[in-house]
Amino acid sequence: MEHIPGRRRNPWIDFALITFILALTGAIVFFITSEDGKAFSHSQKTAAGSPIDSTVTKESSTFPEVLVVTEKSTERSVPFFIQYPQIEDEKFNTIIEDYIQKSKKSYINDMLKSKNKDGNTSPPAALTIQLDTYQHNGKYFSFVFTEHISKNDKDIKTNIKTIFYDKENARTIDIRTLLGEDINSLETLSHHIRTRLKTSPTSRRSIWPDKVDLATEPRWVLFDQFAISHNELIIYFDAGMIAPAKVGPLSINVSLSFLNPLLASDFQQPIGTTETPPASQGNEQKRVALTFDDGPHPEVTLQILQCLERYHAKATFFMLGNRVQHYPDIARKVKDAGHELGNHTWSHPVLTKLTAAQVMNEFATTEEAIFNATGQEATVFRPPYGATNEAIEQNLPRDGILWSIDTLDWKHKNADKVVAMVKQQIHNNAIILMHDIHQSTADALPAVLEFLSKEGYEFVTVSEILPYH
């Protein structure tokens, strides 16, 4: 048989082919590792070793320090959509990735088990992990993960996970650190959250009271699901933890102004302004803080509000909890008019004659009544009769605010005498004590406001005047 020798291939063709393969490989590697927001492929293996393909994107967020990673399954049988943060701190990134991988692995394996049982007739449940990011004081980040497993657009399971991160010190912070490891602060927070859950119009109809008691025991681990946003601490409870699962996760927001004394010193905010008020210079601005105790009253408080509005004057109302409970609409009108809300205890007792627990109950129940009526927490506190001591000041979250001028309206109930007392004692940065439960006080107020206006006084709240004391 005749042998026909094969042709020898041109070496330039081999070179071109090798170059093309190398270029293609490099392009694929670049595509997979790119972090400029373009999608790249990813494979997640189940416990059985079966790969689950997904695409991953990385995009910038509202905060320059934080990238948002989005991972989406490309397999219809195991659908998931996951978001999580990535920063320069690798230790933090490892914590996040461990959480994501654990949640994803558990979900994938559950779906595959369900598929083996049901075959392909039942539509798969979907996993979604949604990320919300909040920044506080420019140095703290709250990362809140809401993990949903849903089927046919109905939630099967919803959990919350939070991480509070200190970027200056590259560390995560738990509730124990936030409260300075002070068990008394935890007990105060625990009582506050429990009372809020049981009295809030939005939660009290759906919660299980006995479950709330268990979930709000003063144990550190029960309060580690938290975030800080818009100067409020948010405490989260998973769906099904304190209410039926169909209600979904519940949360309670607590003003940082209320919590400030409970926080560790590193997290406390300066009271009032951080700047020292300017020294007196001849034409110093005159200020006065009008305060009204013991209300709200269904008639007198409304008259006082109308008078204050005519003079464009702001005031501070120190309210009794039991009266707020009876007249929540009046308390709400005080808030809506832009006045400051103050706590004056529930029943106006002499606090120095009560036990520490009784004092706290007087304070906390009034906080709840004011919040439930107005949707806003009190910002200041005044002890009845001005009766306080060091133990009370240390145990309550706010210092007691007294006064510098007592009109004695509670004693003489005479409008002319109220006006005379103000004229005799007025001084700059005065805090004037009156009561919005006496008709004589409402009758005296127009003359008081007229006099102070002519004297050049600006009407401010207690919080606004305190820095000048």
Protein backbone atom coordinates (compact mmCIF):
# COMPACT_ATOMS: atom_id res chain seq x y z
CA MET A 1 0.00 0.00 0.00
CA GLU A 2 1.27 3.43 -0.86
CA HIS A 3 2.05 5.62 2.17
CA ILE A 4 0.88 9.22 1.94
CA PRO A 5 2.78 11.36 4.46
CA GLY A 6 0.73 14.04 6.42
CA ARG A 7 1.36 17.72 5.98
CA ARG A 8 3.31 19.57 8.59
CA ARG A 9 1.27 22.41 10.22
CA ASN A 10 2.63 25.92 10.01
CA PRO A 11 4.24 26.84 13.40
CA TRP A 12 2.62 30.30 13.22
CA ILE A 13 -0.80 28.65 13.43
CA ASP A 14 0.24 26.82 16.63
CA PHE A 15 1.53 30.06 18.10
CA ALA A 16 -1.68 31.92 17.27
CA LEU A 17 -3.79 29.12 18.75
CA ILE A 18 -1.82 29.06 22.03
CA THR A 19 -1.99 32.86 22.28
CA PHE A 20 -5.77 32.80 21.80
CA ILE A 21 -6.22 30.16 24.50
CA LEU A 22 -4.10 32.10 26.99
CA ALA A 23 -5.96 35.33 26.24
CA LEU A 24 -9.31 33.64 26.67
CA THR A 25 -8.20 32.10 29.98
CA GLY A 26 -7.02 35.48 31.23
CA ALA A 27 -10.30 37.09 30.26
CA ILE A 28 -12.27 34.44 32.11
CA VAL A 29 -10.15 34.84 35.26
CA PHE A 30 -10.59 38.62 35.11
CA PHE A 31 -14.31 38.28 34.63
CA ILE A 32 -14.66 35.95 37.59
CA THR A 33 -12.58 38.03 39.98
CA SER A 34 -13.77 41.46 38.87
CA GLU A 35 -15.22 43.70 41.66
CA ASP A 36 -16.46 46.56 39.51
CA GLY A 37 -20.13 45.60 39.78
CA LYS A 38 -20.29 43.15 36.86
CA ALA A 39 -21.70 39.70 37.40
CA PHE A 40 -19.46 36.68 37.71
CA SER A 41 -20.30 33.03 38.16
CA HIS A 42 -20.13 31.21 41.45
CA SER A 43 -20.82 27.66 42.54
CA GLN A 44 -22.19 26.62 45.92
CA LYS A 45 -21.92 22.93 46.81
CA THR A 46 -24.42 21.12 48.95
CA ALA A 47 -23.44 18.70 51.67
CA ALA A 48 -23.79 15.95 49.07
CA GLY A 49 -21.35 17.74 46.78
CA SER A 50 -23.90 18.86 44.18
CA PRO A 51 -23.03 22.32 42.79
CA ILE A 52 -25.55 25.16 42.78
CA ASP A 53 -24.63 27.89 40.30
CA SER A 54 -25.19 31.57 41.00
CA THR A 55 -24.13 35.00 39.79
CA VAL A 56 -22.50 37.55 42.07
CA THR A 57 -22.24 41.32 41.71
CA LYS A 58 -20.44 43.89 43.85
CA GLU A 59 -21.65 47.46 43.88
CA SER A 60 -20.92 50.60 45.86
CA SER A 61 -23.42 51.66 48.52
CA THR A 62 -24.52 54.93 50.10
CA PHE A 63 -21.47 54.63 52.33
CA PRO A 64 -18.03 54.72 50.62
CA GLU A 65 -16.59 52.19 53.07
CA VAL A 66 -19.21 49.55 52.24
CA LEU A 67 -19.62 47.41 49.13
CA VAL A 68 -22.89 45.53 48.68
CA VAL A 69 -22.49 41.98 47.39
CA THR A 70 -25.54 40.49 45.66
CA GLU A 71 -25.71 36.78 44.92
CA LYS A 72 -28.51 35.27 42.87
CA SER A 73 -29.10 31.61 42.08
CA THR A 74 -29.32 30.70 38.41
CA GLU A 75 -31.10 27.42 39.13
CA ARG A 76 -34.89 27.51 39.21
CA SER A 77 -35.05 24.50 41.52
CA VAL A 78 -33.14 26.32 44.29
CA PRO A 79 -33.94 30.05 43.97
CA PHE A 80 -32.21 32.51 46.27
CA PHE A 81 -31.37 36.20 46.32
CA ILE A 82 -28.83 37.34 48.91
CA GLN A 83 -27.26 40.69 49.83
CA TYR A 84 -24.44 41.28 52.27
CA PRO A 85 -21.80 43.94 53.01
CA GLN A 86 -18.08 43.83 52.35
CA ILE A 87 -15.52 46.24 53.84
CA GLU A 88 -11.74 46.42 54.16
CA ASP A 89 -11.73 44.51 57.47
CA GLU A 90 -11.15 40.87 56.52
CA LYS A 91 -12.07 39.62 59.98
CA PHE A 92 -15.48 41.29 59.61
CA ASN A 93 -15.88 39.90 56.09
CA THR A 94 -15.19 36.40 57.39
CA ILE A 95 -17.93 36.76 60.01
CA ILE A 96 -20.39 37.86 57.33
CA GLU A 97 -19.39 35.16 54.87
CA ASP A 98 -19.70 32.46 57.55
CA TYR A 99 -23.24 33.62 58.31
CA ILE A 100 -24.22 33.76 54.62
CA GLN A 101 -22.72 30.36 53.80
CA LYS A 102 -24.39 28.74 56.80
CA SER A 103 -27.83 30.17 55.88
CA LYS A 104 -27.43 29.28 52.23
CA LYS A 105 -26.19 25.74 52.89
CA SER A 106 -29.06 25.04 55.27
CA TYR A 107 -31.60 26.35 52.76
CA ILE A 108 -30.14 24.46 49.77
CA ASN A 109 -30.04 21.15 51.59
CA ASP A 110 -33.60 21.63 52.86
CA MET A 111 -34.77 22.33 49.31
CA LEU A 112 -33.04 19.28 47.90
CA LYS A 113 -34.56 17.08 50.62
CA SER A 114 -37.97 18.53 49.85
CA LYS A 115 -37.44 17.93 46.13
CA ASN A 116 -36.55 14.28 46.75
CA LYS A 117 -39.77 13.83 48.75
CA ASP A 118 -42.15 15.75 46.50
CA GLY A 119 -40.52 15.15 43.12
CA ASN A 120 -40.85 18.09 40.75
CA THR A 121 -44.57 18.79 41.28
CA SER A 122 -44.24 21.31 44.11
CA PRO A 123 -42.80 24.79 43.39
CA PRO A 124 -39.62 25.46 45.37
CA ALA A 125 -39.40 27.79 48.34
CA ALA A 126 -37.19 30.84 47.80
CA LEU A 127 -34.55 32.31 50.11
CA THR A 128 -34.09 36.05 50.33
CA ILE A 129 -31.58 37.80 52.60
CA GLN A 130 -32.13 41.53 52.45
CA LEU A 131 -29.53 43.97 53.78
CA ASP A 132 -30.26 47.31 55.47
CA THR A 133 -27.34 49.50 56.54
CA TYR A 134 -27.46 52.41 58.99
CA GLN A 135 -24.68 54.74 60.08
CA HIS A 136 -24.47 56.44 63.47
CA ASN A 137 -22.19 59.32 64.43
CA GLY A 138 -20.02 58.71 61.37
CA LYS A 139 -18.16 55.82 63.03
CA TYR A 140 -20.68 53.05 63.71
CA PHE A 141 -22.50 50.85 61.22
CA SER A 142 -25.58 48.74 61.86
CA PHE A 143 -26.02 45.89 59.37
CA VAL A 144 -29.48 44.33 59.52
CA PHE A 145 -30.17 41.10 57.64
CA THR A 146 -33.79 40.06 57.10
CA GLU A 147 -33.83 36.41 56.08
CA HIS A 148 -37.04 35.21 54.39
CA ILE A 149 -37.94 31.76 53.19
CA SER A 150 -41.15 31.99 51.19
CA LYS A 151 -43.28 29.77 48.99
CA ASN A 152 -46.03 30.92 46.63
CA ASP A 153 -45.39 34.49 47.85
CA LYS A 154 -46.10 33.48 51.45
CA ASP A 155 -43.45 33.66 54.18
CA ILE A 156 -42.60 30.31 55.74
CA LYS A 157 -39.88 31.63 58.00
CA THR A 158 -38.43 35.07 58.77
CA ASN A 159 -35.39 35.73 60.93
CA ILE A 160 -33.39 38.84 61.76
CA LYS A 161 -29.64 39.03 62.24
CA THR A 162 -27.82 42.22 63.15
CA ILE A 163 -24.18 43.26 63.44
CA PHE A 164 -23.13 46.55 65.04
CA TYR A 165 -19.67 47.55 63.85
CA ASP A 166 -17.19 50.16 65.12
CA LYS A 167 -15.14 51.09 62.07
CA GLU A 168 -12.58 53.22 63.97
CA ASN A 169 -11.58 50.31 66.17
CA ALA A 170 -12.39 47.55 63.64
CA ARG A 171 -14.57 45.59 66.04
CA THR A 172 -18.12 44.32 66.39
CA ILE A 173 -20.07 45.49 69.44
CA ASP A 174 -22.71 43.57 71.38
CA ILE A 175 -25.37 44.90 73.76
CA ARG A 176 -23.20 44.08 76.76
CA THR A 177 -20.50 46.44 75.49
CA LEU A 178 -23.05 49.09 74.51
CA LEU A 179 -24.42 49.17 78.07
CA GLY A 180 -21.00 49.02 79.72
CA GLU A 181 -21.65 45.54 81.13
CA ASP A 182 -23.95 47.17 83.71
CA ILE A 183 -26.69 44.71 84.71
CA ASN A 184 -28.76 47.57 86.19
CA SER A 185 -28.81 49.27 82.79
CA LEU A 186 -29.89 46.00 81.19
CA GLU A 187 -32.70 45.61 83.73
CA THR A 188 -33.93 49.14 82.98
CA LEU A 189 -33.85 48.49 79.23
CA SER A 190 -35.55 45.12 79.73
CA HIS A 191 -38.39 46.66 81.74
CA HIS A 192 -38.81 49.47 79.21
CA ILE A 193 -38.97 47.15 76.21
CA ARG A 194 -41.38 44.76 77.94
CA THR A 195 -43.73 47.56 78.94
CA ARG A 196 -43.61 49.10 75.48
CA LEU A 197 -44.50 45.80 73.82
CA LYS A 198 -47.44 45.23 76.16
CA THR A 199 -48.85 48.75 75.92
CA SER A 200 -48.06 49.86 72.37
CA PRO A 201 -51.23 50.06 70.24
CA THR A 202 -49.36 48.49 67.31
CA SER A 203 -48.13 45.40 69.17
CA ARG A 204 -50.25 44.70 72.22
CA ARG A 205 -53.12 43.15 70.22
CA SER A 206 -50.92 40.56 68.54
CA ILE A 207 -48.27 39.59 71.11
CA TRP A 208 -48.23 36.65 73.48
CA PRO A 209 -47.70 38.29 76.92
CA ASP A 210 -46.07 35.21 78.43
CA LYS A 211 -43.67 34.95 75.48
CA VAL A 212 -42.85 38.64 75.83
CA ASP A 213 -41.95 38.08 79.48
CA LEU A 214 -39.55 35.32 78.49
CA ALA A 215 -38.05 37.23 75.54
CA THR A 216 -37.40 40.36 77.59
CA GLU A 217 -35.82 38.83 80.67
CA PRO A 218 -32.69 40.82 81.62
CA ARG A 219 -30.29 38.45 79.87
CA TRP A 220 -27.64 39.83 77.55
CA VAL A 221 -28.22 37.27 74.81
CA LEU A 222 -31.87 38.29 74.41
CA PHE A 223 -31.01 41.86 73.38
CA ASP A 224 -28.17 41.26 70.93
CA GLN A 225 -30.38 41.74 67.89
CA PHE A 226 -30.16 45.54 67.70
CA ALA A 227 -29.31 48.45 65.46
CA ILE A 228 -28.96 52.22 65.87
CA SER A 229 -30.64 54.48 63.33
CA HIS A 230 -31.79 58.12 63.45
CA ASN A 231 -30.76 58.44 67.10
CA GLU A 232 -32.85 55.45 68.14
CA LEU A 233 -31.92 52.00 69.39
CA ILE A 234 -33.95 49.33 67.57
CA ILE A 235 -34.46 45.96 69.29
CA TYR A 236 -35.60 43.13 66.97
CA PHE A 237 -37.61 39.99 67.67
CA ASP A 238 -37.84 37.16 65.12
CA ALA A 239 -41.17 36.13 63.63
CA GLY A 240 -42.89 33.66 65.93
CA MET A 241 -40.80 34.65 68.95
CA ILE A 242 -43.30 36.88 70.79
CA ALA A 243 -46.28 36.79 68.42
CA PRO A 244 -47.73 34.45 65.77
CA ALA A 245 -45.32 33.93 62.88
CA LYS A 246 -47.80 35.47 60.43
CA VAL A 247 -47.33 38.83 62.19
CA GLY A 248 -43.70 38.80 61.09
CA PRO A 249 -40.68 40.16 62.99
CA LEU A 250 -41.38 42.83 65.58
CA SER A 251 -39.16 45.69 66.66
CA ILE A 252 -39.20 48.42 69.28
CA ASN A 253 -37.48 51.78 68.84
CA VAL A 254 -36.09 53.57 71.90
CA SER A 255 -34.79 57.13 71.79
CA LEU A 256 -31.08 57.47 72.56
CA SER A 257 -31.93 60.49 74.70
CA PHE A 258 -33.79 58.10 77.01
CA LEU A 259 -30.98 55.53 76.91
CA ASN A 260 -28.11 58.00 77.20
CA PRO A 261 -27.49 57.49 80.95
CA LEU A 262 -27.61 53.72 80.45
CA LEU A 263 -24.96 53.63 77.74
CA ALA A 264 -21.26 53.03 78.28
CA SER A 265 -19.34 56.32 78.36
CA ASP A 266 -17.91 55.74 74.85
CA PHE A 267 -21.41 55.81 73.41
CA GLN A 268 -23.03 58.58 75.46
CA GLN A 269 -24.01 61.83 73.77
CA PRO A 270 -23.47 65.27 75.32
CA ILE A 271 -26.58 66.62 77.00
CA GLY A 272 -27.98 69.71 75.28
CA THR A 273 -25.43 71.47 73.13
CA THR A 274 -21.79 70.55 72.85
CA GLU A 275 -20.76 74.18 72.74
CA THR A 276 -20.34 76.44 75.73
CA PRO A 277 -22.90 79.25 75.61
CA PRO A 278 -21.35 82.60 74.75
CA ALA A 279 -20.38 84.86 77.61
CA SER A 280 -22.59 87.82 78.48
CA GLN A 281 -21.97 90.79 76.19
CA GLY A 282 -24.22 93.71 76.99
CA ASN A 283 -27.08 92.92 74.59
CA GLU A 284 -27.22 89.23 75.54
CA GLN A 285 -30.25 87.37 74.21
CA LYS A 286 -32.92 87.04 76.89
CA ARG A 287 -34.48 83.60 77.27
CA VAL A 288 -37.16 82.11 79.46
CA ALA A 289 -38.55 78.58 79.73
CA LEU A 290 -42.22 78.29 80.67
CA THR A 291 -43.11 74.95 82.25
CA PHE A 292 -46.51 73.50 83.09
CA ASP A 293 -46.91 70.59 85.53
CA ASP A 294 -49.59 68.02 86.41
CA GLY A 295 -51.55 68.01 83.15
CA PRO A 296 -52.97 67.37 80.72
CA HIS A 297 -56.32 68.94 81.59
CA PRO A 298 -59.21 68.66 79.09
CA GLU A 299 -60.01 72.39 79.28
CA VAL A 300 -57.15 74.34 80.86
CA THR A 301 -54.38 72.76 78.78
CA LEU A 302 -56.24 73.62 75.56
CA GLN A 303 -56.63 77.26 76.66
CA ILE A 304 -52.91 77.43 77.43
CA LEU A 305 -52.03 75.95 74.04
CA GLN A 306 -54.16 78.56 72.27
CA CYS A 307 -52.53 81.39 74.23
CA LEU A 308 -49.01 80.10 73.54
CA GLU A 309 -49.82 79.88 69.84
CA ARG A 310 -50.93 83.53 69.73
CA TYR A 311 -47.54 84.59 71.09
CA HIS A 312 -45.55 82.05 69.05
CA ALA A 313 -44.20 80.74 72.35
CA LYS A 314 -42.82 77.27 73.05
CA ALA A 315 -43.07 75.64 76.47
CA THR A 316 -42.39 72.37 78.28
CA PHE A 317 -45.25 70.28 79.71
CA PHE A 318 -44.38 67.91 82.56
CA MET A 319 -47.21 65.39 82.39
CA LEU A 320 -48.61 62.87 84.86
CA GLY A 321 -48.95 59.39 83.42
CA ASN A 322 -52.40 58.75 84.88
CA ARG A 323 -53.72 61.96 83.29
CA VAL A 324 -52.10 61.18 79.94
CA GLN A 325 -53.88 57.84 80.06
CA HIS A 326 -57.23 59.60 80.55
CA TYR A 327 -56.59 62.42 78.06
CA PRO A 328 -54.28 61.04 75.35
CA ASP A 329 -55.76 63.36 72.71
CA ILE A 330 -54.77 66.42 74.76
CA ALA A 331 -51.23 65.10 75.20
CA ARG A 332 -51.08 64.58 71.44
CA LYS A 333 -52.19 68.20 70.85
CA VAL A 334 -49.31 69.38 73.06
CA LYS A 335 -46.85 67.40 70.96
CA ASP A 336 -48.43 68.46 67.66
CA ALA A 337 -48.09 72.11 68.68
CA GLY A 338 -44.32 71.63 68.92
CA HIS A 339 -43.94 71.84 72.70
CA GLU A 340 -41.54 69.73 74.73
CA LEU A 341 -42.87 66.66 76.55
CA GLY A 342 -41.74 66.00 80.11
CA ASN A 343 -42.25 63.09 82.52
CA HIS A 344 -43.69 64.05 85.93
CA THR A 345 -44.31 60.48 87.22
CA TRP A 346 -47.52 58.49 87.14
CA SER A 347 -49.30 59.58 90.34
CA HIS A 348 -47.29 62.56 91.71
CA PRO A 349 -45.81 60.86 94.81
CA VAL A 350 -42.93 62.03 96.97
CA LEU A 351 -40.24 59.94 95.33
CA THR A 352 -37.87 60.09 98.30
CA LYS A 353 -40.41 58.06 100.29
CA LEU A 354 -40.57 55.23 97.74
CA THR A 355 -38.40 52.20 97.12
CA ALA A 356 -36.11 52.17 94.10
CA ALA A 357 -38.46 49.77 92.30
CA GLN A 358 -41.47 52.00 93.00
CA VAL A 359 -39.63 55.06 91.71
CA MET A 360 -38.70 53.26 88.51
CA ASN A 361 -42.29 52.08 88.04
CA GLU A 362 -43.59 55.66 88.42
CA PHE A 363 -41.10 56.82 85.80
CA ALA A 364 -41.40 53.95 83.32
CA THR A 365 -45.19 53.72 83.24
CA THR A 366 -45.38 57.45 82.51
CA GLU A 367 -42.82 57.08 79.72
CA GLU A 368 -45.05 54.44 78.16
CA ALA A 369 -48.23 56.49 78.55
CA ILE A 370 -46.64 59.53 76.88
CA PHE A 371 -45.23 57.47 74.02
CA ASN A 372 -48.47 55.60 73.44
CA ALA A 373 -50.46 58.84 73.37
CA THR A 374 -48.09 60.92 71.25
CA GLY A 375 -45.76 58.54 69.41
CA GLN A 376 -42.88 60.47 70.97
CA GLU A 377 -40.88 59.92 74.13
CA ALA A 378 -40.49 62.51 76.86
CA THR A 379 -37.13 64.27 76.78
CA VAL A 380 -37.01 65.70 80.31
CA PHE A 381 -38.09 64.68 83.81
CA ARG A 382 -39.26 66.65 86.86
CA PRO A 383 -39.72 64.98 90.27
CA PRO A 384 -42.97 65.95 92.04
CA TYR A 385 -42.45 68.63 94.69
CA GLY A 386 -38.84 68.80 93.56
CA ALA A 387 -38.19 65.90 95.93
CA THR A 388 -35.16 63.92 94.81
CA ASN A 389 -31.85 62.61 96.09
CA GLU A 390 -28.63 61.10 94.82
CA ALA A 391 -30.00 57.54 94.73
CA ILE A 392 -32.97 58.61 92.60
CA GLU A 393 -30.77 60.61 90.25
CA GLN A 394 -28.45 57.63 89.78
CA ASN A 395 -31.20 55.09 89.15
CA LEU A 396 -33.36 57.05 86.70
CA PRO A 397 -32.28 57.53 83.10
CA ARG A 398 -32.68 61.31 83.30
CA ASP A 399 -31.70 63.97 85.80
CA GLY A 400 -34.52 65.84 87.50
CA ILE A 401 -35.25 69.36 86.21
CA LEU A 402 -36.44 71.86 88.82
CA TRP A 403 -37.20 75.58 88.42
CA SER A 404 -35.89 79.02 89.29
CA ILE A 405 -39.23 80.85 89.64
CA ASP A 406 -42.22 79.36 91.45
CA THR A 407 -45.37 81.34 90.67
CA LEU A 408 -47.19 79.57 93.53
CA ASP A 409 -50.21 79.28 91.24
CA TRP A 410 -50.95 75.98 92.94
CA LYS A 411 -51.28 77.77 96.29
CA HIS A 412 -53.14 81.03 95.76
CA LYS A 413 -54.97 80.22 92.48
CA ASN A 414 -55.09 83.91 91.66
CA ALA A 415 -54.25 85.20 88.16
CA ASP A 416 -53.04 88.62 89.33
CA LYS A 417 -50.65 87.04 91.82
CA VAL A 418 -49.21 84.77 89.14
CA VAL A 419 -48.40 87.80 86.98
CA ALA A 420 -46.94 89.67 89.98
CA MET A 421 -44.69 86.74 90.91
CA VAL A 422 -43.26 86.60 87.39
CA LYS A 423 -42.63 90.36 87.28
CA GLN A 424 -40.92 90.34 90.68
CA GLN A 425 -38.60 87.39 90.05
CA ILE A 426 -37.89 87.37 86.34
CA HIS A 427 -34.25 86.94 85.31
CA ASN A 428 -32.48 85.77 82.21
CA ASN A 429 -32.58 82.02 81.53
CA ALA A 430 -35.32 81.56 84.11
CA ILE A 431 -37.33 78.34 84.34
CA ILE A 432 -40.84 79.30 85.45
CA LEU A 433 -43.05 76.79 87.25
CA MET A 434 -46.79 76.84 86.55
CA HIS A 435 -49.55 74.22 86.38
CA ASP A 436 -51.92 73.59 83.49
CA ILE A 437 -54.70 72.29 85.74
CA HIS A 438 -55.77 75.63 87.28
CA GLN A 439 -58.09 78.02 85.47
CA SER A 440 -56.37 80.93 87.18
CA THR A 441 -53.10 79.98 85.50
CA ALA A 442 -54.73 80.01 82.06
CA ASP A 443 -56.28 83.38 82.92
CA ALA A 444 -52.88 84.79 83.95
CA LEU A 445 -50.93 83.52 80.95
CA PRO A 446 -51.83 86.26 78.41
CA ALA A 447 -50.53 88.96 80.78
CA VAL A 448 -47.41 86.91 81.57
CA LEU A 449 -46.61 86.43 77.89
CA GLU A 450 -47.32 90.07 77.07
CA PHE A 451 -44.98 91.26 79.84
CA LEU A 452 -42.15 88.90 78.92
CA SER A 453 -42.48 89.74 75.22
CA LYS A 454 -42.18 93.46 75.90
CA GLU A 455 -39.13 92.77 78.06
CA GLY A 456 -37.49 91.11 75.07
CA TYR A 457 -37.55 87.47 76.23
CA GLU A 458 -37.44 84.58 73.80
CA PHE A 459 -39.65 81.62 74.77
CA VAL A 460 -37.68 78.36 74.64
CA THR A 461 -38.01 74.82 75.97
CA VAL A 462 -36.24 73.46 79.04
CA SER A 463 -33.81 71.47 76.91
CA GLU A 464 -32.91 74.60 74.99
CA ILE A 465 -32.26 76.66 78.11
CA LEU A 466 -30.31 74.09 80.14
CA PRO A 467 -26.96 74.76 78.43
CA TYR A 468 -27.12 78.30 79.83
CA HIS A 469 -27.44 77.06 83.42
